[in-house]
């Protein structure tokens, strides 16, 4: 275990199993349809790579980068689009793939902005959901794990761009980020 980790919440094996289950569910829901999987950079990249390989549907990829945190542990409330989609989404089924849903403010802003582009549908799949911190009426369509209000890193999640490469989802020791 990394010296800055307080505990492991989910192991590589648990993550792999849950992704297989999510992939099967998403495949069934999109059977016979094409879907554009939108990876929210950077945190969702590891989850995105594993999840899309578990989906047995006609799927294409695009990427977005949005920011509302900077180098802190709390959202600033101001959402910035750092990288927008490269393709038009009008009439297309969209599956947003995100690492974690916390307050829901960023994803609410993002989905509203995408709805203005007239997609056929928008669904959200997150690896982690922290519903106790929710400030927006947002419920992901697909969720890997519901977690308590703890600061997590690993499997793509970071603190100040560190710890993304940890293979497990871990709770960071508070003295590291406070």
Protein backbone atom coordinates (compact mmCIF):
# COMPACT_ATOMS: atom_id res chain seq x y z
CA UNK A 1 0.00 0.00 0.00
CA UNK A 2 1.21 3.52 -0.82
CA UNK A 3 2.51 5.48 2.19
CA UNK A 4 -0.12 8.23 1.70
CA UNK A 5 -3.06 5.82 1.66
CA UNK A 6 -5.15 5.37 4.78
CA UNK A 7 -7.04 2.32 3.47
CA UNK A 8 -8.13 0.52 0.31
CA UNK A 9 -11.86 0.89 -0.44
CA UNK A 10 -11.98 -1.31 -3.55
CA UNK A 11 -9.34 -3.68 -4.84
CA UNK A 12 -8.37 -4.25 -8.45
CA UNK A 13 -10.34 -7.48 -8.38
CA UNK A 14 -13.52 -5.83 -7.06
CA UNK A 15 -13.20 -3.08 -9.67
CA UNK A 16 -12.71 -5.59 -12.49
CA UNK A 17 -15.80 -7.57 -11.42
CA UNK A 18 -17.98 -4.48 -11.15
CA UNK A 19 -16.87 -3.20 -14.55
CA UNK A 20 -17.84 -6.54 -16.12
CA UNK A 21 -21.30 -6.16 -14.55
CA UNK A 22 -21.65 -2.55 -15.74
CA UNK A 23 -20.50 -3.52 -19.23
CA UNK A 24 -23.12 -6.28 -19.43
CA UNK A 25 -25.88 -3.92 -18.23
CA UNK A 26 -24.88 -1.14 -20.65
CA UNK A 27 -24.58 -3.64 -23.52
CA UNK A 28 -28.11 -4.88 -22.86
CA UNK A 29 -29.50 -1.34 -22.60
CA UNK A 30 -27.87 -0.24 -25.88
CA UNK A 31 -28.44 -3.51 -27.79
CA UNK A 32 -28.96 -2.73 -31.46
CA UNK A 33 -28.00 0.93 -31.00
CA UNK A 34 -24.90 3.00 -31.59
CA UNK A 35 -23.59 5.01 -28.67
CA UNK A 36 -20.98 7.72 -28.31
CA UNK A 37 -19.00 7.13 -25.12
CA UNK A 38 -17.71 10.45 -23.80
CA UNK A 39 -14.77 10.18 -21.44
CA UNK A 40 -14.44 13.03 -18.97
CA UNK A 41 -10.72 13.69 -18.78
CA UNK A 42 -8.52 13.06 -16.88
CA UNK A 43 -9.91 11.16 -13.94
CA UNK A 44 -12.15 8.82 -15.92
CA UNK A 45 -9.50 7.61 -18.39
CA UNK A 46 -8.60 4.39 -16.57
CA UNK A 47 -12.26 3.53 -15.90
CA UNK A 48 -13.20 4.51 -19.47
CA UNK A 49 -10.54 2.25 -21.01
CA UNK A 50 -11.67 -0.75 -18.98
CA UNK A 51 -15.40 -0.09 -19.30
CA UNK A 52 -15.59 0.40 -23.08
CA UNK A 53 -13.81 -2.93 -23.56
CA UNK A 54 -16.56 -4.55 -21.45
CA UNK A 55 -19.36 -3.08 -23.60
CA UNK A 56 -20.54 -5.26 -26.47
CA UNK A 57 -22.31 -2.62 -28.58
CA UNK A 58 -21.58 -0.35 -31.51
CA UNK A 59 -19.56 2.28 -29.68
CA UNK A 60 -17.45 5.26 -30.64
CA UNK A 61 -15.34 7.52 -28.43
CA UNK A 62 -14.92 11.21 -27.77
CA UNK A 63 -13.36 13.16 -24.95
CA UNK A 64 -14.13 16.24 -22.88
CA UNK A 65 -12.19 18.00 -20.18
CA UNK A 66 -13.99 20.15 -17.66
CA UNK A 67 -12.75 21.62 -14.43
CA UNK A 68 -14.31 22.88 -11.25
CA UNK A 69 -11.71 21.83 -8.67
CA UNK A 70 -8.24 23.07 -9.61
CA UNK A 71 -5.77 21.84 -6.98
CA UNK A 72 -8.23 21.75 -4.08
CA UNK A 73 -10.54 19.13 -2.61
CA UNK A 74 -13.72 21.18 -2.99
CA UNK A 75 -15.42 22.40 -6.13
CA UNK A 76 -15.15 26.09 -6.92
CA UNK A 77 -18.61 26.02 -8.49
CA UNK A 78 -17.23 27.59 -11.68
CA UNK A 79 -17.15 25.03 -14.50
CA UNK A 80 -14.63 25.51 -17.28
CA UNK A 81 -14.61 23.57 -20.56
CA UNK A 82 -10.97 22.80 -21.22
CA UNK A 83 -11.57 20.41 -24.14
CA UNK A 84 -14.87 20.10 -25.99
CA UNK A 85 -16.19 17.25 -28.13
CA UNK A 86 -14.73 16.85 -31.60
CA UNK A 87 -17.95 15.49 -33.11
CA UNK A 88 -21.51 16.68 -33.47
CA UNK A 89 -23.88 14.84 -31.12
CA UNK A 90 -27.20 15.80 -32.67
CA UNK A 91 -29.43 12.72 -32.81
CA UNK A 92 -26.83 10.49 -31.15
CA UNK A 93 -27.13 8.45 -27.93
CA UNK A 94 -24.51 9.74 -25.49
CA UNK A 95 -22.99 7.86 -22.56
CA UNK A 96 -20.96 10.18 -20.34
CA UNK A 97 -18.31 8.22 -18.46
CA UNK A 98 -17.10 9.95 -15.30
CA UNK A 99 -14.84 8.89 -12.46
CA UNK A 100 -16.87 10.24 -9.52
CA UNK A 101 -20.12 12.09 -8.90
CA UNK A 102 -19.76 14.27 -5.83
CA UNK A 103 -21.90 17.41 -5.57
CA UNK A 104 -23.31 16.77 -9.05
CA UNK A 105 -22.89 20.44 -9.98
CA UNK A 106 -20.29 19.88 -12.70
CA UNK A 107 -22.19 17.01 -14.35
CA UNK A 108 -25.47 18.91 -14.17
CA UNK A 109 -23.85 21.86 -15.94
CA UNK A 110 -22.23 19.54 -18.49
CA UNK A 111 -25.40 17.57 -19.29
CA UNK A 112 -27.43 20.77 -19.70
CA UNK A 113 -24.81 22.15 -22.09
CA UNK A 114 -24.87 18.90 -24.08
CA UNK A 115 -28.70 18.77 -24.18
CA UNK A 116 -28.64 22.06 -26.09
CA UNK A 117 -26.85 20.18 -28.89
CA UNK A 118 -29.92 17.90 -29.30
CA UNK A 119 -28.58 14.38 -28.73
CA UNK A 120 -31.02 11.45 -28.92
CA UNK A 121 -30.29 10.67 -25.26
CA UNK A 122 -27.77 11.29 -22.51
CA UNK A 123 -26.93 8.79 -19.80
CA UNK A 124 -24.25 8.98 -17.14
CA UNK A 125 -22.02 6.16 -15.93
CA UNK A 126 -19.74 6.83 -12.99
CA UNK A 127 -17.25 4.61 -11.25
CA UNK A 128 -18.01 6.17 -7.86
CA UNK A 129 -20.97 8.03 -6.41
CA UNK A 130 -20.95 10.11 -3.21
CA UNK A 131 -24.67 10.88 -2.77
CA UNK A 132 -24.23 12.36 0.71
CA UNK A 133 -22.46 15.36 -0.87
CA UNK A 134 -25.04 15.96 -3.62
CA UNK A 135 -26.06 19.58 -4.21
CA UNK A 136 -27.82 18.98 -7.54
CA UNK A 137 -30.73 16.70 -8.40
CA UNK A 138 -28.55 14.32 -10.40
CA UNK A 139 -28.63 10.54 -10.24
CA UNK A 140 -26.24 8.58 -12.46
CA UNK A 141 -27.84 5.97 -14.72
CA UNK A 142 -25.03 3.50 -14.02
CA UNK A 143 -22.78 3.42 -10.96
CA UNK A 144 -19.85 1.25 -10.02
CA UNK A 145 -19.83 1.84 -6.28
CA UNK A 146 -21.52 4.16 -3.79
CA UNK A 147 -18.94 5.51 -1.38
CA UNK A 148 -18.92 7.43 1.91
CA UNK A 149 -17.74 11.04 2.15
CA UNK A 150 -14.03 10.28 2.10
CA UNK A 151 -11.32 11.65 -0.17
CA UNK A 152 -10.41 8.90 -2.63
CA UNK A 153 -7.55 8.45 -5.06
CA UNK A 154 -6.28 5.76 -7.38
CA UNK A 155 -7.66 4.09 -10.49
CA UNK A 156 -7.51 7.46 -12.28
CA UNK A 157 -8.58 9.63 -9.34
CA UNK A 158 -6.06 12.15 -8.12
CA UNK A 159 -5.08 14.77 -5.64
CA UNK A 160 -3.00 17.51 -7.31
CA UNK A 161 -2.36 15.16 -10.26
CA UNK A 162 -0.82 12.47 -8.03
CA UNK A 163 -1.98 8.91 -7.21
CA UNK A 164 -3.87 8.32 -10.51
CA UNK A 165 -1.71 5.25 -11.17
CA UNK A 166 -2.65 3.39 -8.00
CA UNK A 167 -4.43 0.18 -9.08
CA UNK A 168 -6.97 0.22 -6.24
CA UNK A 169 -9.45 2.89 -5.13
CA UNK A 170 -8.06 4.19 -1.86
CA UNK A 171 -8.81 6.71 0.87
CA UNK A 172 -6.06 9.31 1.09
CA UNK A 173 -4.69 10.13 4.53
CA UNK A 174 -6.25 13.46 5.61
CA UNK A 175 -2.93 15.07 6.51
CA UNK A 176 -1.94 14.83 2.83
CA UNK A 177 -4.75 17.08 1.56
CA UNK A 178 -5.68 19.24 4.56
